[in-house]
Amino acid sequence: MTAIADTPFGKLDTEGRLLKPLLNADTHVAGRFGYRGEISYDGPETVIKEVFSVSESGKPGIGFLAGSIANYETLPKLVESFGAALDADGNYFIYIADLPQGNRLFIRFGDVKIFAIFIDETSVYNELIDTFYVDKVKLKKFDTAAKLDALADVGLKYSSLSDYKEVSYEDGLKIKNAS
C-alpha cells in the first residue's frame, strides 16, 4: 500500500488542502495512487471541485488530474499552488464555469500543460466520459477506484490537441472577456 506522503499528493495533504475525499488511496492498478474530492488552492474558499486524479509510482508529479473551477482568472494560482505536483509529463483537464460556451483551450504554464474547457450544468465525470469515449454503462458497475482507473487510463495517454485552441493564458483571458 502506498503512503500518501510518498506521492505528489503528500504536500497537498500536509498543507490541509485535500478536502472531502471520496478516495485517497491506492487504486486497482499496481503502483497507482488516486485522489477524488476537492482541493483548495487559493485559500479555503477557492477549490477545484469534482477532482479525479492519479499519480504513478516512481513519477514526481500527478499524472492525470481533472476538476472544475469557477473562475478562469484563478488558473495561474491553481498551477502555482500545486507547484511540483504538476509537471510536464501530466495531463490536466480543468473545466471552467466562466469560459464562453464551447471553448476548449490548451494553455502552457512553463512545462505544465492545461486543457481548459468550458463547463456548464454537467459534471466533470460526464464531461470526461464524453471526451474520452468511455462506456458509461460499464462504468456504472465499477467501484470508485475502478472508475478512476478507467478514466485515468485514457487521460494519462490523451493527446488530441487538434480538439483545442492553443493560446497563452493572456489570450485565453481575452477570449473569456470577449463574451
N, C-alpha and C. Protein backbone atom coordinates (compact mmCIF):
# COMPACT_ATOMS: atom_id res chain seq x y z
N MET A 1 0.82 -1.18 0.00
CA MET A 1 0.00 0.00 0.00
C MET A 1 0.87 1.25 0.00
N THR A 2 0.49 2.22 -0.81
CA THR A 2 1.26 3.45 -0.95
C THR A 2 0.83 4.47 0.10
N ALA A 3 1.80 5.02 0.79
CA ALA A 3 1.50 6.10 1.75
C ALA A 3 1.36 7.40 0.97
N ILE A 4 0.38 8.21 1.33
CA ILE A 4 0.15 9.47 0.63
C ILE A 4 1.40 10.36 0.67
N ALA A 5 2.18 10.26 1.74
CA ALA A 5 3.41 11.05 1.86
C ALA A 5 4.41 10.72 0.76
N ASP A 6 4.28 9.51 0.17
CA ASP A 6 5.19 9.08 -0.90
C ASP A 6 4.65 9.42 -2.29
N THR A 7 3.66 10.28 -2.36
CA THR A 7 3.05 10.67 -3.64
C THR A 7 3.11 12.19 -3.79
N PRO A 8 2.82 12.70 -4.98
CA PRO A 8 2.76 14.15 -5.15
C PRO A 8 1.62 14.79 -4.34
N PHE A 9 0.69 13.97 -3.85
CA PHE A 9 -0.41 14.49 -3.04
C PHE A 9 0.02 14.74 -1.59
N GLY A 10 1.20 14.25 -1.20
CA GLY A 10 1.67 14.37 0.16
C GLY A 10 1.75 15.80 0.66
N LYS A 11 2.34 16.68 -0.15
CA LYS A 11 2.47 18.09 0.25
C LYS A 11 1.08 18.74 0.37
N LEU A 12 0.19 18.44 -0.56
CA LEU A 12 -1.17 18.99 -0.52
C LEU A 12 -1.89 18.52 0.74
N ASP A 13 -1.67 17.26 1.10
CA ASP A 13 -2.28 16.70 2.30
C ASP A 13 -1.73 17.36 3.56
N THR A 14 -0.41 17.50 3.63
CA THR A 14 0.24 18.14 4.78
C THR A 14 -0.25 19.57 4.97
N GLU A 15 -0.51 20.25 3.87
CA GLU A 15 -0.99 21.64 3.92
C GLU A 15 -2.49 21.72 4.21
N GLY A 16 -3.15 20.57 4.34
CA GLY A 16 -4.58 20.55 4.64
C GLY A 16 -5.46 20.97 3.47
N ARG A 17 -4.98 20.76 2.24
CA ARG A 17 -5.72 21.23 1.08
C ARG A 17 -6.57 20.15 0.41
N LEU A 18 -6.42 18.90 0.84
CA LEU A 18 -7.26 17.83 0.29
C LEU A 18 -8.55 17.80 1.10
N LEU A 19 -9.66 18.13 0.43
CA LEU A 19 -10.95 18.29 1.10
C LEU A 19 -11.97 17.27 0.59
N LYS A 20 -12.85 16.85 1.47
CA LYS A 20 -13.98 15.98 1.11
C LYS A 20 -13.57 14.78 0.26
N PRO A 21 -12.58 14.00 0.71
CA PRO A 21 -12.13 12.89 -0.14
C PRO A 21 -13.16 11.77 -0.27
N LEU A 22 -13.38 11.36 -1.51
CA LEU A 22 -14.16 10.16 -1.80
C LEU A 22 -13.23 8.97 -1.94
N LEU A 23 -12.00 9.26 -2.36
CA LEU A 23 -10.95 8.26 -2.50
C LEU A 23 -9.64 8.96 -2.23
N ASN A 24 -8.80 8.34 -1.43
CA ASN A 24 -7.49 8.87 -1.10
C ASN A 24 -6.60 7.68 -0.77
N ALA A 25 -6.35 6.84 -1.80
CA ALA A 25 -5.69 5.56 -1.57
C ALA A 25 -5.22 4.95 -2.89
N ASP A 26 -4.59 3.80 -2.79
CA ASP A 26 -4.21 3.06 -3.98
C ASP A 26 -5.47 2.71 -4.77
N THR A 27 -5.30 2.66 -6.08
CA THR A 27 -6.41 2.21 -6.94
C THR A 27 -6.17 0.72 -7.23
N HIS A 28 -6.90 0.18 -8.20
CA HIS A 28 -6.75 -1.23 -8.54
C HIS A 28 -5.56 -1.49 -9.46
N VAL A 29 -4.96 -0.44 -9.99
CA VAL A 29 -3.79 -0.58 -10.85
C VAL A 29 -2.54 -0.52 -9.97
N ALA A 30 -1.70 -1.52 -10.09
CA ALA A 30 -0.49 -1.59 -9.28
C ALA A 30 0.36 -0.34 -9.47
N GLY A 31 0.78 0.27 -8.35
CA GLY A 31 1.64 1.44 -8.39
C GLY A 31 0.91 2.75 -8.65
N ARG A 32 -0.40 2.72 -8.60
CA ARG A 32 -1.17 3.95 -8.86
C ARG A 32 -1.91 4.37 -7.59
N PHE A 33 -1.76 5.66 -7.24
CA PHE A 33 -2.46 6.25 -6.10
C PHE A 33 -3.50 7.21 -6.65
N GLY A 34 -4.70 7.17 -6.10
CA GLY A 34 -5.76 8.02 -6.60
C GLY A 34 -6.35 8.93 -5.55
N TYR A 35 -6.79 10.09 -6.01
CA TYR A 35 -7.49 11.03 -5.14
C TYR A 35 -8.73 11.53 -5.86
N ARG A 36 -9.87 11.45 -5.18
CA ARG A 36 -11.14 12.04 -5.64
C ARG A 36 -11.65 12.90 -4.51
N GLY A 37 -12.10 14.09 -4.83
CA GLY A 37 -12.63 15.00 -3.82
C GLY A 37 -12.48 16.43 -4.29
N GLU A 38 -12.12 17.31 -3.38
CA GLU A 38 -11.85 18.71 -3.69
C GLU A 38 -10.45 19.06 -3.18
N ILE A 39 -9.84 20.07 -3.81
CA ILE A 39 -8.52 20.53 -3.40
C ILE A 39 -8.55 22.06 -3.37
N SER A 40 -8.22 22.63 -2.21
CA SER A 40 -8.15 24.11 -2.13
C SER A 40 -6.83 24.56 -2.73
N TYR A 41 -6.87 25.73 -3.36
CA TYR A 41 -5.63 26.22 -3.98
C TYR A 41 -5.38 27.70 -3.81
N ASP A 42 -6.32 28.43 -3.30
CA ASP A 42 -6.08 29.86 -3.05
C ASP A 42 -6.90 30.26 -1.83
N GLY A 43 -6.57 29.63 -0.73
CA GLY A 43 -7.36 29.81 0.49
C GLY A 43 -8.48 28.78 0.52
N PRO A 44 -9.11 28.61 1.66
CA PRO A 44 -10.11 27.55 1.83
C PRO A 44 -11.37 27.73 0.99
N GLU A 45 -11.63 28.94 0.51
CA GLU A 45 -12.84 29.20 -0.26
C GLU A 45 -12.67 28.88 -1.75
N THR A 46 -11.45 28.88 -2.25
CA THR A 46 -11.20 28.64 -3.67
C THR A 46 -10.73 27.21 -3.84
N VAL A 47 -11.59 26.40 -4.48
CA VAL A 47 -11.28 24.97 -4.61
C VAL A 47 -11.48 24.51 -6.04
N ILE A 48 -10.76 23.47 -6.38
CA ILE A 48 -11.03 22.73 -7.60
C ILE A 48 -11.92 21.58 -7.15
N LYS A 49 -13.12 21.50 -7.75
CA LYS A 49 -14.14 20.54 -7.33
C LYS A 49 -14.17 19.34 -8.26
N GLU A 50 -14.83 18.29 -7.79
CA GLU A 50 -15.04 17.07 -8.58
C GLU A 50 -13.72 16.54 -9.13
N VAL A 51 -12.69 16.51 -8.31
CA VAL A 51 -11.36 16.12 -8.75
C VAL A 51 -11.27 14.61 -8.99
N PHE A 52 -10.69 14.28 -10.13
CA PHE A 52 -10.29 12.92 -10.48
C PHE A 52 -8.80 13.01 -10.73
N SER A 53 -7.98 12.31 -9.95
CA SER A 53 -6.54 12.45 -10.14
C SER A 53 -5.80 11.19 -9.71
N VAL A 54 -4.66 10.96 -10.37
CA VAL A 54 -3.82 9.83 -10.02
C VAL A 54 -2.35 10.21 -10.14
N SER A 55 -1.54 9.51 -9.38
CA SER A 55 -0.09 9.59 -9.54
C SER A 55 0.41 8.16 -9.69
N GLU A 56 1.46 8.02 -10.46
CA GLU A 56 2.05 6.71 -10.73
C GLU A 56 3.33 6.56 -9.91
N SER A 57 3.55 5.39 -9.37
CA SER A 57 4.74 5.10 -8.57
C SER A 57 6.00 5.45 -9.35
N GLY A 58 6.91 6.14 -8.68
CA GLY A 58 8.18 6.50 -9.28
C GLY A 58 8.15 7.77 -10.12
N LYS A 59 6.99 8.38 -10.24
CA LYS A 59 6.90 9.63 -11.01
C LYS A 59 6.70 10.78 -10.03
N PRO A 60 7.38 11.91 -10.25
CA PRO A 60 7.33 13.01 -9.28
C PRO A 60 6.05 13.83 -9.29
N GLY A 61 5.31 13.82 -10.39
CA GLY A 61 4.12 14.66 -10.49
C GLY A 61 2.84 13.85 -10.61
N ILE A 62 1.73 14.54 -10.45
CA ILE A 62 0.42 13.95 -10.68
C ILE A 62 0.33 13.71 -12.18
N GLY A 63 0.00 12.49 -12.57
CA GLY A 63 -0.03 12.16 -13.99
C GLY A 63 -1.30 12.60 -14.69
N PHE A 64 -2.42 12.53 -13.97
CA PHE A 64 -3.71 12.88 -14.54
C PHE A 64 -4.52 13.59 -13.47
N LEU A 65 -5.10 14.74 -13.85
CA LEU A 65 -5.97 15.47 -12.94
C LEU A 65 -7.06 16.13 -13.76
N ALA A 66 -8.29 15.99 -13.29
CA ALA A 66 -9.42 16.69 -13.89
C ALA A 66 -10.27 17.23 -12.74
N GLY A 67 -10.84 18.40 -12.95
CA GLY A 67 -11.70 19.01 -11.95
C GLY A 67 -12.25 20.31 -12.48
N SER A 68 -13.14 20.93 -11.71
CA SER A 68 -13.75 22.17 -12.18
C SER A 68 -13.46 23.32 -11.22
N ILE A 69 -13.30 24.50 -11.84
CA ILE A 69 -13.13 25.73 -11.08
C ILE A 69 -14.16 26.75 -11.57
N ALA A 70 -14.44 27.73 -10.76
CA ALA A 70 -15.45 28.73 -11.11
C ALA A 70 -14.90 29.82 -12.02
N ASN A 71 -13.66 30.25 -11.79
CA ASN A 71 -13.14 31.43 -12.48
C ASN A 71 -11.83 31.18 -13.21
N TYR A 72 -11.82 31.53 -14.48
CA TYR A 72 -10.62 31.41 -15.31
C TYR A 72 -9.45 32.15 -14.69
N GLU A 73 -9.71 33.32 -14.10
CA GLU A 73 -8.62 34.15 -13.56
C GLU A 73 -7.83 33.45 -12.47
N THR A 74 -8.39 32.42 -11.84
CA THR A 74 -7.67 31.72 -10.77
C THR A 74 -6.77 30.60 -11.29
N LEU A 75 -6.79 30.36 -12.59
CA LEU A 75 -5.99 29.27 -13.16
C LEU A 75 -4.49 29.39 -12.84
N PRO A 76 -3.86 30.57 -13.00
CA PRO A 76 -2.44 30.67 -12.64
C PRO A 76 -2.19 30.33 -11.17
N LYS A 77 -3.08 30.74 -10.28
CA LYS A 77 -2.92 30.44 -8.85
C LYS A 77 -3.02 28.94 -8.59
N LEU A 78 -3.90 28.26 -9.33
CA LEU A 78 -4.02 26.81 -9.20
C LEU A 78 -2.69 26.15 -9.54
N VAL A 79 -2.12 26.52 -10.70
CA VAL A 79 -0.85 25.93 -11.13
C VAL A 79 0.25 26.25 -10.12
N GLU A 80 0.29 27.50 -9.66
CA GLU A 80 1.29 27.92 -8.67
C GLU A 80 1.14 27.14 -7.36
N SER A 81 -0.08 26.99 -6.89
CA SER A 81 -0.33 26.31 -5.61
C SER A 81 0.05 24.84 -5.64
N PHE A 82 -0.19 24.19 -6.77
CA PHE A 82 0.16 22.78 -6.89
C PHE A 82 1.67 22.60 -7.01
N GLY A 83 2.35 23.59 -7.55
CA GLY A 83 3.80 23.55 -7.65
C GLY A 83 4.32 22.32 -8.36
N ALA A 84 5.28 21.66 -7.75
CA ALA A 84 5.94 20.50 -8.35
C ALA A 84 5.01 19.29 -8.51
N ALA A 85 3.83 19.33 -7.90
CA ALA A 85 2.88 18.22 -8.07
C ALA A 85 2.37 18.16 -9.51
N LEU A 86 2.47 19.28 -10.25
CA LEU A 86 2.13 19.30 -11.67
C LEU A 86 3.43 19.39 -12.45
N ASP A 87 3.57 18.56 -13.48
CA ASP A 87 4.81 18.60 -14.26
C ASP A 87 4.53 18.40 -15.75
N ALA A 88 5.59 18.42 -16.54
CA ALA A 88 5.48 18.35 -18.00
C ALA A 88 4.90 17.04 -18.49
N ASP A 89 4.98 15.98 -17.70
CA ASP A 89 4.51 14.67 -18.14
C ASP A 89 3.02 14.45 -17.88
N GLY A 90 2.38 15.34 -17.14
CA GLY A 90 0.98 15.15 -16.77
C GLY A 90 0.00 15.73 -17.76
N ASN A 91 -1.23 15.23 -17.68
CA ASN A 91 -2.36 15.76 -18.43
C ASN A 91 -3.37 16.30 -17.44
N TYR A 92 -3.68 17.59 -17.56
CA TYR A 92 -4.52 18.28 -16.59
C TYR A 92 -5.72 18.93 -17.30
N PHE A 93 -6.91 18.48 -16.95
CA PHE A 93 -8.15 18.92 -17.56
C PHE A 93 -8.90 19.78 -16.56
N ILE A 94 -8.93 21.07 -16.80
CA ILE A 94 -9.57 22.00 -15.88
C ILE A 94 -10.82 22.55 -16.56
N TYR A 95 -11.96 22.18 -16.01
CA TYR A 95 -13.25 22.63 -16.52
C TYR A 95 -13.58 23.94 -15.82
N ILE A 96 -13.92 24.97 -16.61
CA ILE A 96 -14.05 26.31 -16.06
C ILE A 96 -15.42 26.88 -16.39
N ALA A 97 -16.14 27.26 -15.34
CA ALA A 97 -17.53 27.70 -15.47
C ALA A 97 -17.68 29.02 -16.22
N ASP A 98 -16.72 29.93 -16.11
CA ASP A 98 -16.92 31.23 -16.73
C ASP A 98 -16.24 31.41 -18.09
N LEU A 99 -15.79 30.32 -18.68
CA LEU A 99 -15.33 30.39 -20.07
C LEU A 99 -16.57 30.47 -20.97
N PRO A 100 -16.47 31.14 -22.11
CA PRO A 100 -17.61 31.14 -23.02
C PRO A 100 -17.91 29.72 -23.51
N GLN A 101 -19.20 29.45 -23.69
CA GLN A 101 -19.65 28.12 -24.09
C GLN A 101 -18.92 27.63 -25.33
N GLY A 102 -18.55 26.36 -25.29
CA GLY A 102 -17.90 25.72 -26.43
C GLY A 102 -16.39 25.87 -26.49
N ASN A 103 -15.81 26.67 -25.62
CA ASN A 103 -14.36 26.88 -25.67
C ASN A 103 -13.59 25.70 -25.10
N ARG A 104 -12.55 25.32 -25.84
CA ARG A 104 -11.62 24.27 -25.43
C ARG A 104 -10.22 24.81 -25.72
N LEU A 105 -9.53 25.20 -24.66
CA LEU A 105 -8.23 25.85 -24.81
C LEU A 105 -7.11 24.95 -24.30
N PHE A 106 -5.95 25.07 -24.92
CA PHE A 106 -4.74 24.38 -24.47
C PHE A 106 -3.76 25.47 -24.07
N ILE A 107 -3.39 25.49 -22.79
CA ILE A 107 -2.56 26.57 -22.25
C ILE A 107 -1.34 25.97 -21.56
N ARG A 108 -0.19 26.56 -21.82
CA ARG A 108 1.05 26.13 -21.14
C ARG A 108 1.41 27.16 -20.07
N PHE A 109 1.74 26.62 -18.91
CA PHE A 109 2.32 27.42 -17.82
C PHE A 109 3.70 26.83 -17.62
N GLY A 110 4.70 27.39 -18.31
CA GLY A 110 6.02 26.76 -18.32
C GLY A 110 5.88 25.41 -19.01
N ASP A 111 6.29 24.34 -18.34
CA ASP A 111 6.19 22.99 -18.90
C ASP A 111 4.83 22.33 -18.63
N VAL A 112 4.02 22.93 -17.77
CA VAL A 112 2.73 22.34 -17.39
C VAL A 112 1.69 22.64 -18.47
N LYS A 113 1.02 21.56 -18.93
CA LYS A 113 0.02 21.68 -19.98
C LYS A 113 -1.37 21.57 -19.37
N ILE A 114 -2.20 22.59 -19.64
CA ILE A 114 -3.56 22.62 -19.11
C ILE A 114 -4.55 22.59 -20.27
N PHE A 115 -5.49 21.66 -20.20
CA PHE A 115 -6.63 21.65 -21.10
C PHE A 115 -7.73 22.40 -20.35
N ALA A 116 -8.05 23.61 -20.81
CA ALA A 116 -9.06 24.44 -20.15
C ALA A 116 -10.34 24.36 -20.97
N ILE A 117 -11.42 23.90 -20.34
CA ILE A 117 -12.64 23.55 -21.06
C ILE A 117 -13.85 24.18 -20.37
N PHE A 118 -14.74 24.74 -21.18
CA PHE A 118 -15.99 25.28 -20.66
C PHE A 118 -16.81 24.15 -20.03
N ILE A 119 -17.44 24.46 -18.90
CA ILE A 119 -18.38 23.51 -18.28
C ILE A 119 -19.60 24.31 -17.83
N ASP A 120 -20.76 23.68 -18.00
CA ASP A 120 -21.98 24.35 -17.54
C ASP A 120 -22.61 23.53 -16.43
N GLU A 121 -23.81 23.08 -16.60
CA GLU A 121 -24.53 22.37 -15.55
C GLU A 121 -24.19 20.88 -15.45
N THR A 122 -23.32 20.39 -16.27
CA THR A 122 -22.98 18.98 -16.24
C THR A 122 -21.87 18.73 -15.21
N SER A 123 -21.46 17.49 -15.07
CA SER A 123 -20.41 17.14 -14.10
C SER A 123 -19.10 16.85 -14.81
N VAL A 124 -18.02 16.95 -14.07
CA VAL A 124 -16.71 16.59 -14.60
C VAL A 124 -16.73 15.13 -15.05
N TYR A 125 -17.33 14.27 -14.27
CA TYR A 125 -17.43 12.84 -14.60
C TYR A 125 -18.07 12.66 -15.99
N ASN A 126 -19.21 13.30 -16.22
CA ASN A 126 -19.87 13.17 -17.52
C ASN A 126 -19.05 13.77 -18.64
N GLU A 127 -18.39 14.89 -18.38
CA GLU A 127 -17.54 15.51 -19.39
C GLU A 127 -16.37 14.59 -19.76
N LEU A 128 -15.76 13.96 -18.77
CA LEU A 128 -14.65 13.04 -19.05
C LEU A 128 -15.12 11.84 -19.87
N ILE A 129 -16.27 11.31 -19.52
CA ILE A 129 -16.82 10.18 -20.27
C ILE A 129 -17.01 10.57 -21.74
N ASP A 130 -17.56 11.76 -21.98
CA ASP A 130 -17.77 12.23 -23.35
C ASP A 130 -16.44 12.49 -24.07
N THR A 131 -15.51 13.14 -23.40
CA THR A 131 -14.22 13.46 -24.01
C THR A 131 -13.41 12.21 -24.34
N PHE A 132 -13.45 11.23 -23.43
CA PHE A 132 -12.62 10.04 -23.58
C PHE A 132 -13.34 8.87 -24.25
N TYR A 133 -14.62 9.03 -24.57
CA TYR A 133 -15.42 7.97 -25.18
C TYR A 133 -15.37 6.68 -24.35
N VAL A 134 -15.60 6.83 -23.05
CA VAL A 134 -15.62 5.68 -22.14
C VAL A 134 -17.07 5.21 -22.01
N ASP A 135 -17.25 3.90 -21.94
CA ASP A 135 -18.58 3.29 -21.85
C ASP A 135 -19.20 3.55 -20.47
N LYS A 136 -20.19 4.43 -20.44
CA LYS A 136 -20.83 4.82 -19.18
C LYS A 136 -21.56 3.65 -18.52
N VAL A 137 -22.15 2.79 -19.32
CA VAL A 137 -22.88 1.63 -18.78
C VAL A 137 -21.91 0.70 -18.05
N LYS A 138 -20.76 0.48 -18.63
CA LYS A 138 -19.76 -0.37 -18.00
C LYS A 138 -19.24 0.26 -16.70
N LEU A 139 -19.03 1.58 -16.73
CA LEU A 139 -18.52 2.28 -15.54
C LEU A 139 -19.47 2.18 -14.36
N LYS A 140 -20.76 2.12 -14.61
CA LYS A 140 -21.75 2.06 -13.52
C LYS A 140 -21.54 0.84 -12.64
N LYS A 141 -20.93 -0.19 -13.16
CA LYS A 141 -20.71 -1.43 -12.42
C LYS A 141 -19.44 -1.37 -11.56
N PHE A 142 -18.63 -0.33 -11.75
CA PHE A 142 -17.34 -0.23 -11.07
C PHE A 142 -17.46 0.50 -9.74
N ASP A 143 -16.52 0.20 -8.82
CA ASP A 143 -16.42 0.99 -7.60
C ASP A 143 -15.65 2.27 -7.91
N THR A 144 -15.52 3.16 -6.92
CA THR A 144 -14.89 4.46 -7.13
C THR A 144 -13.48 4.35 -7.70
N ALA A 145 -12.67 3.45 -7.15
CA ALA A 145 -11.29 3.30 -7.61
C ALA A 145 -11.24 2.79 -9.05
N ALA A 146 -12.10 1.85 -9.40
CA ALA A 146 -12.11 1.30 -10.76
C ALA A 146 -12.59 2.34 -11.77
N LYS A 147 -13.56 3.18 -11.39
CA LYS A 147 -14.00 4.26 -12.27
C LYS A 147 -12.84 5.23 -12.52
N LEU A 148 -12.13 5.57 -11.45
CA LEU A 148 -10.99 6.46 -11.59
C LEU A 148 -9.93 5.83 -12.49
N ASP A 149 -9.64 4.55 -12.29
CA ASP A 149 -8.67 3.86 -13.13
C ASP A 149 -9.07 3.92 -14.60
N ALA A 150 -10.33 3.65 -14.89
CA ALA A 150 -10.80 3.64 -16.28
C ALA A 150 -10.62 5.01 -16.93
N LEU A 151 -10.96 6.07 -16.21
CA LEU A 151 -10.80 7.42 -16.75
C LEU A 151 -9.32 7.81 -16.84
N ALA A 152 -8.54 7.45 -15.84
CA ALA A 152 -7.12 7.78 -15.83
C ALA A 152 -6.35 7.03 -16.92
N ASP A 153 -6.75 5.79 -17.21
CA ASP A 153 -6.07 5.03 -18.27
C ASP A 153 -6.11 5.80 -19.59
N VAL A 154 -7.23 6.44 -19.87
CA VAL A 154 -7.36 7.23 -21.10
C VAL A 154 -6.71 8.60 -20.90
N GLY A 155 -6.97 9.24 -19.76
CA GLY A 155 -6.46 10.59 -19.50
C GLY A 155 -4.94 10.68 -19.51
N LEU A 156 -4.27 9.65 -19.03
CA LEU A 156 -2.81 9.66 -19.00
C LEU A 156 -2.22 9.65 -20.40
N LYS A 157 -2.93 9.06 -21.36
CA LYS A 157 -2.43 8.93 -22.74
C LYS A 157 -3.02 9.97 -23.69
N TYR A 158 -3.95 10.77 -23.20
CA TYR A 158 -4.68 11.70 -24.06
C TYR A 158 -3.74 12.66 -24.77
N SER A 159 -3.96 12.82 -26.08
CA SER A 159 -3.09 13.73 -26.84
C SER A 159 -3.82 14.37 -28.02
N SER A 160 -5.12 14.51 -27.94
CA SER A 160 -5.91 15.07 -29.04
C SER A 160 -5.88 16.60 -29.03
N LEU A 161 -4.70 17.15 -29.29
CA LEU A 161 -4.54 18.60 -29.26
C LEU A 161 -5.32 19.30 -30.35
N SER A 162 -5.67 18.59 -31.42
CA SER A 162 -6.40 19.22 -32.52
C SER A 162 -7.81 19.66 -32.08
N ASP A 163 -8.30 19.12 -30.97
CA ASP A 163 -9.62 19.50 -30.44
C ASP A 163 -9.57 20.79 -29.63
N TYR A 164 -8.38 21.37 -29.46
CA TYR A 164 -8.18 22.54 -28.59
C TYR A 164 -7.49 23.65 -29.34
N LYS A 165 -7.78 24.87 -28.93
CA LYS A 165 -7.10 26.04 -29.48
C LYS A 165 -5.94 26.36 -28.53
N GLU A 166 -4.71 26.30 -29.04
CA GLU A 166 -3.56 26.61 -28.18
C GLU A 166 -3.41 28.12 -28.06
N VAL A 167 -3.44 28.60 -26.82
CA VAL A 167 -3.36 30.02 -26.54
C VAL A 167 -2.49 30.25 -25.30
N SER A 168 -2.05 31.48 -25.13
CA SER A 168 -1.40 31.86 -23.88
C SER A 168 -2.50 32.11 -22.86
N TYR A 169 -2.13 32.18 -21.59
CA TYR A 169 -3.11 32.50 -20.56
C TYR A 169 -3.76 33.85 -20.88
N GLU A 170 -2.96 34.83 -21.27
CA GLU A 170 -3.46 36.17 -21.56
C GLU A 170 -4.46 36.16 -22.72
N ASP A 171 -4.17 35.38 -23.78
CA ASP A 171 -5.11 35.29 -24.90
C ASP A 171 -6.40 34.59 -24.46
N GLY A 172 -6.28 33.60 -23.59
CA GLY A 172 -7.47 32.95 -23.04
C GLY A 172 -8.32 33.93 -22.25
N LEU A 173 -7.66 34.83 -21.54
CA LEU A 173 -8.37 35.85 -20.77
C LEU A 173 -9.14 36.79 -21.71
N LYS A 174 -8.53 37.12 -22.86
CA LYS A 174 -9.22 37.95 -23.85
C LYS A 174 -10.45 37.22 -24.40
N ILE A 175 -10.31 35.93 -24.67
CA ILE A 175 -11.44 35.13 -25.16
C ILE A 175 -12.55 35.12 -24.12
N LYS A 176 -12.17 34.92 -22.88
CA LYS A 176 -13.16 34.88 -21.79
C LYS A 176 -13.88 36.22 -21.65
N ASN A 177 -13.13 37.30 -21.72
CA ASN A 177 -13.71 38.63 -21.51
C ASN A 177 -14.46 39.16 -22.73
N ALA A 178 -14.27 38.54 -23.90
CA ALA A 178 -14.93 38.99 -25.11
C ALA A 178 -16.40 38.57 -25.15
N SER A 179 -16.77 37.62 -24.30
CA SER A 179 -18.15 37.13 -24.34
C SER A 179 -19.12 38.05 -23.63
